[in-house]
Amino acid sequence: MSQAFRKTSRGFTLLELLIALAVTAAVVALMFAGVGVIGRSEERNQRVIDRSERMMVVSQWLGRKFDTLRLLMQRTSENKVVTFFSGNAAGAIWVAPLPERGDAGGLYVFRTTPLRHENGRVDLSVEAIPYDGALMALDWSRALRETLLPDVRTLQWYYQDGQTGEWTQQWDSTKAQYPARVKVELADAQGDWPMLIFPLTRAR
């Protein structure tokens, strides 16, 4: 009986111990790999969330400003009537209230434009100057300035003619009408954005 006990209670052999260590190491490696994958997945998800939030902020801000756009005409020194709206491929200029609700803050001339830095980075910037109701020289050196979107890789603006339906990247203030819609093509470091299209309901 003592012999049977000694046979069944023998220790692990060196080969069995090495196999057990190898299996344990493989399990630990798989666990760390799984944690790494989860961590990278969370980082990707957070980047997607942050990007979606930026898209929403930019879209909502521009949407509010175009919704409250004021249809203003001015007479030039040559006695020509012009609309207070102009745009090109880089941005647009128009008049809207600040804040959006009510006229408590007054009317402002808004300009969206690419802001270029020395390191080559380009931001989508918005500037605002109080509108005094007269034919005014636009001194942008005294404008309020905010970055609407940092590190822009693509920035193209388009304007739709309400009569012909055609899109153009140049809208001059001497036109007798406002564009029916404004379209903005954007891309950041992560790729292209969905096209942003804003109907100018007040211009209809």
Protein backbone atom coordinates (compact mmCIF):
# COMPACT_ATOMS: atom_id res chain seq x y z
CA MET A 1 0.00 0.00 0.00
CA SER A 2 2.87 2.30 0.72
CA GLN A 3 4.33 1.49 -2.70
CA ALA A 4 1.08 2.45 -4.42
CA PHE A 5 1.06 5.71 -2.51
CA ARG A 6 4.62 6.51 -3.58
CA LYS A 7 3.79 5.85 -7.28
CA THR A 8 0.77 8.12 -7.34
CA SER A 9 2.40 10.98 -5.45
CA ARG A 10 5.47 11.43 -7.64
CA GLY A 11 6.29 15.05 -8.72
CA PHE A 12 6.17 16.63 -12.19
CA THR A 13 8.87 15.73 -14.64
CA LEU A 14 10.97 18.50 -16.21
CA LEU A 15 9.17 18.02 -19.54
CA GLU A 16 5.74 18.39 -17.91
CA LEU A 17 6.90 21.51 -16.09
CA LEU A 18 8.20 23.06 -19.31
CA ILE A 19 4.93 22.26 -21.09
CA ALA A 20 2.93 23.83 -18.26
CA LEU A 21 5.10 26.97 -18.36
CA ALA A 22 4.74 27.20 -22.14
CA VAL A 23 0.95 26.89 -21.91
CA THR A 24 0.84 29.51 -19.15
CA ALA A 25 3.03 31.89 -21.17
CA ALA A 26 0.78 31.43 -24.21
CA VAL A 27 -2.33 32.16 -22.17
CA VAL A 28 -0.75 35.29 -20.66
CA ALA A 29 0.36 36.47 -24.12
CA LEU A 30 -3.15 35.99 -25.47
CA MET A 31 -4.57 37.91 -22.52
CA PHE A 32 -2.21 40.85 -23.07
CA ALA A 33 -2.92 40.78 -26.81
CA GLY A 34 -6.63 40.84 -26.07
CA VAL A 35 -6.20 43.80 -23.72
CA GLY A 36 -4.18 45.60 -26.40
CA VAL A 37 -6.85 44.98 -29.02
CA ILE A 38 -9.53 46.24 -26.64
CA GLY A 39 -7.46 49.33 -25.86
CA ARG A 40 -6.88 50.13 -29.54
CA SER A 41 -10.54 49.51 -30.27
CA GLU A 42 -11.54 51.94 -27.52
CA GLU A 43 -9.13 54.53 -28.91
CA ARG A 44 -10.60 54.12 -32.39
CA ASN A 45 -14.11 54.39 -31.02
CA GLN A 46 -13.18 57.56 -29.13
CA ARG A 47 -11.66 59.08 -32.27
CA VAL A 48 -14.85 58.27 -34.19
CA ILE A 49 -16.96 59.86 -31.44
CA ASP A 50 -14.76 62.97 -31.30
CA ARG A 51 -14.90 63.33 -35.09
CA SER A 52 -18.68 62.92 -35.14
CA GLU A 53 -18.99 65.62 -32.49
CA ARG A 54 -16.81 67.98 -34.55
CA MET A 55 -18.96 67.33 -37.61
CA MET A 56 -22.08 68.08 -35.60
CA VAL A 57 -20.66 71.30 -34.15
CA VAL A 58 -19.55 72.63 -37.55
CA SER A 59 -22.78 71.62 -39.29
CA GLN A 60 -25.02 73.06 -36.58
CA TRP A 61 -23.12 76.33 -36.35
CA LEU A 62 -23.17 76.96 -40.09
CA GLY A 63 -26.80 75.82 -40.27
CA ARG A 64 -27.87 78.30 -37.58
CA LYS A 65 -25.98 81.13 -39.22
CA PHE A 66 -27.46 80.46 -42.65
CA ASP A 67 -30.94 79.99 -41.17
CA THR A 68 -30.77 83.48 -39.64
CA LEU A 69 -29.08 85.12 -42.64
CA ARG A 70 -30.43 88.62 -43.25
CA LEU A 71 -31.30 89.65 -46.78
CA LEU A 72 -29.64 93.05 -46.99
CA MET A 73 -29.12 95.30 -49.98
CA GLN A 74 -26.69 98.19 -50.13
CA ARG A 75 -26.23 101.04 -52.57
CA THR A 76 -22.65 101.64 -53.67
CA SER A 77 -21.02 104.98 -54.40
CA GLU A 78 -21.72 104.27 -58.10
CA ASN A 79 -25.42 104.09 -57.16
CA LYS A 80 -25.53 100.32 -57.74
CA VAL A 81 -27.52 98.04 -55.45
CA VAL A 82 -25.61 94.99 -54.22
CA THR A 83 -26.53 92.08 -51.96
CA PHE A 84 -24.62 91.63 -48.72
CA PHE A 85 -23.48 88.14 -49.63
CA SER A 86 -20.41 87.00 -51.49
CA GLY A 87 -18.45 83.80 -51.67
CA ASN A 88 -15.67 81.93 -53.38
CA ALA A 89 -14.08 78.48 -53.13
CA ALA A 90 -12.40 79.38 -49.81
CA GLY A 91 -15.37 80.81 -47.89
CA ALA A 92 -18.29 83.21 -47.72
CA ILE A 93 -19.38 86.56 -46.25
CA TRP A 94 -22.92 87.27 -45.01
CA VAL A 95 -24.87 89.08 -42.27
CA ALA A 96 -26.64 87.35 -39.38
CA PRO A 97 -27.50 88.14 -35.75
CA LEU A 98 -25.32 87.19 -32.82
CA PRO A 99 -26.65 85.42 -30.81
CA GLU A 100 -28.96 83.58 -33.18
CA ARG A 101 -32.10 84.01 -31.09
CA GLY A 102 -33.40 87.53 -31.19
CA ASP A 103 -31.54 90.71 -32.03
CA ALA A 104 -30.22 91.44 -28.54
CA GLY A 105 -26.66 90.97 -29.69
CA GLY A 106 -27.10 92.91 -32.91
CA LEU A 107 -26.16 92.05 -36.48
CA TYR A 108 -22.69 90.96 -37.50
CA VAL A 109 -20.88 90.46 -40.76
CA PHE A 110 -19.55 86.89 -40.76
CA ARG A 111 -16.68 85.57 -42.80
CA THR A 112 -15.49 81.98 -43.02
CA THR A 113 -11.96 81.59 -44.28
CA PRO A 114 -8.98 79.20 -44.17
CA LEU A 115 -6.44 80.24 -41.53
CA ARG A 116 -2.94 79.14 -42.52
CA HIS A 117 -0.21 78.57 -39.92
CA GLU A 118 3.55 78.68 -40.30
CA ASN A 119 3.81 74.92 -39.77
CA GLY A 120 1.57 74.35 -42.79
CA ARG A 121 -1.59 73.49 -40.86
CA VAL A 122 -4.83 75.03 -42.11
CA ASP A 123 -7.85 75.72 -39.86
CA LEU A 124 -11.37 76.71 -40.82
CA SER A 125 -11.75 80.08 -39.14
CA VAL A 126 -14.82 82.27 -38.64
CA GLU A 127 -14.63 86.03 -38.12
CA ALA A 128 -17.32 88.52 -37.14
CA ILE A 129 -17.56 92.33 -37.30
CA PRO A 130 -20.50 94.37 -35.92
CA TYR A 131 -22.73 95.52 -38.76
CA ASP A 132 -23.56 99.22 -38.55
CA GLY A 133 -26.18 99.27 -41.32
CA ALA A 134 -24.18 101.46 -43.66
CA LEU A 135 -21.95 100.76 -46.63
CA MET A 136 -18.99 99.84 -44.48
CA ALA A 137 -15.36 99.06 -45.07
CA LEU A 138 -14.70 95.63 -43.61
CA ASP A 139 -11.73 95.98 -41.28
CA TRP A 140 -11.06 92.34 -40.39
CA SER A 141 -8.16 93.29 -38.11
CA ARG A 142 -10.72 94.18 -35.42
CA ALA A 143 -12.92 91.12 -35.98
CA LEU A 144 -13.86 88.52 -33.41
CA ARG A 145 -12.14 85.32 -34.50
CA GLU A 146 -12.72 81.66 -33.63
CA THR A 147 -11.47 78.37 -35.05
CA LEU A 148 -14.43 76.39 -36.28
CA LEU A 149 -12.44 73.32 -37.38
CA PRO A 150 -8.69 72.71 -36.86
CA ASP A 151 -6.39 70.90 -39.29
CA VAL A 152 -8.51 71.02 -42.44
CA ARG A 153 -7.21 68.99 -45.39
CA THR A 154 -9.93 69.89 -47.92
CA LEU A 155 -12.08 73.03 -47.97
CA GLN A 156 -14.26 73.89 -50.96
CA TRP A 157 -17.39 76.07 -51.02
CA TYR A 158 -20.14 75.98 -53.67
CA TYR A 159 -23.21 78.16 -54.28
CA GLN A 160 -26.35 77.14 -56.12
CA ASP A 161 -28.20 79.49 -58.43
CA GLY A 162 -31.88 79.24 -57.54
CA GLN A 163 -33.00 79.95 -61.10
CA THR A 164 -30.74 77.62 -63.06
CA GLY A 165 -29.95 75.06 -60.36
CA GLU A 166 -26.28 75.22 -61.29
CA TRP A 167 -23.49 75.19 -58.72
CA THR A 168 -20.63 77.68 -58.83
CA GLN A 169 -17.64 78.45 -56.63
CA GLN A 170 -17.93 82.20 -57.15
CA TRP A 171 -20.85 84.30 -55.93
CA ASP A 172 -20.46 88.01 -56.38
CA SER A 173 -22.36 90.58 -54.34
CA THR A 174 -23.41 92.33 -57.55
CA LYS A 175 -25.73 89.43 -58.36
CA ALA A 176 -29.38 90.42 -58.05
CA GLN A 177 -30.14 87.46 -55.78
CA TYR A 178 -28.80 85.30 -53.01
CA PRO A 179 -27.78 81.68 -53.65
CA ALA A 180 -30.52 79.13 -53.00
CA ARG A 181 -28.16 76.72 -51.24
CA VAL A 182 -24.58 76.63 -49.99
CA LYS A 183 -22.51 73.45 -50.12
CA VAL A 184 -19.25 72.84 -48.23
CA GLU A 185 -16.80 70.04 -49.02
CA LEU A 186 -14.54 69.24 -46.06
CA ALA A 187 -11.90 66.69 -45.14
CA ASP A 188 -9.71 66.28 -42.06
CA ALA A 189 -6.76 64.05 -41.21
CA GLN A 190 -9.10 61.05 -40.99
CA GLY A 191 -10.62 61.52 -44.43
CA ASP A 192 -13.56 63.11 -46.23
CA TRP A 193 -16.63 64.41 -44.42
CA PRO A 194 -20.17 63.90 -45.66
CA MET A 195 -21.10 66.84 -47.88
CA LEU A 196 -22.63 69.73 -45.91
CA ILE A 197 -25.53 71.42 -47.73
CA PHE A 198 -27.42 74.39 -46.30
CA PRO A 199 -30.61 75.77 -47.90
CA LEU A 200 -30.92 79.54 -47.59
CA THR A 201 -34.63 79.53 -46.81
CA ARG A 202 -34.79 83.30 -46.35
CA ALA A 203 -33.48 83.80 -49.86
CA ARG A 204 -36.44 82.04 -51.48
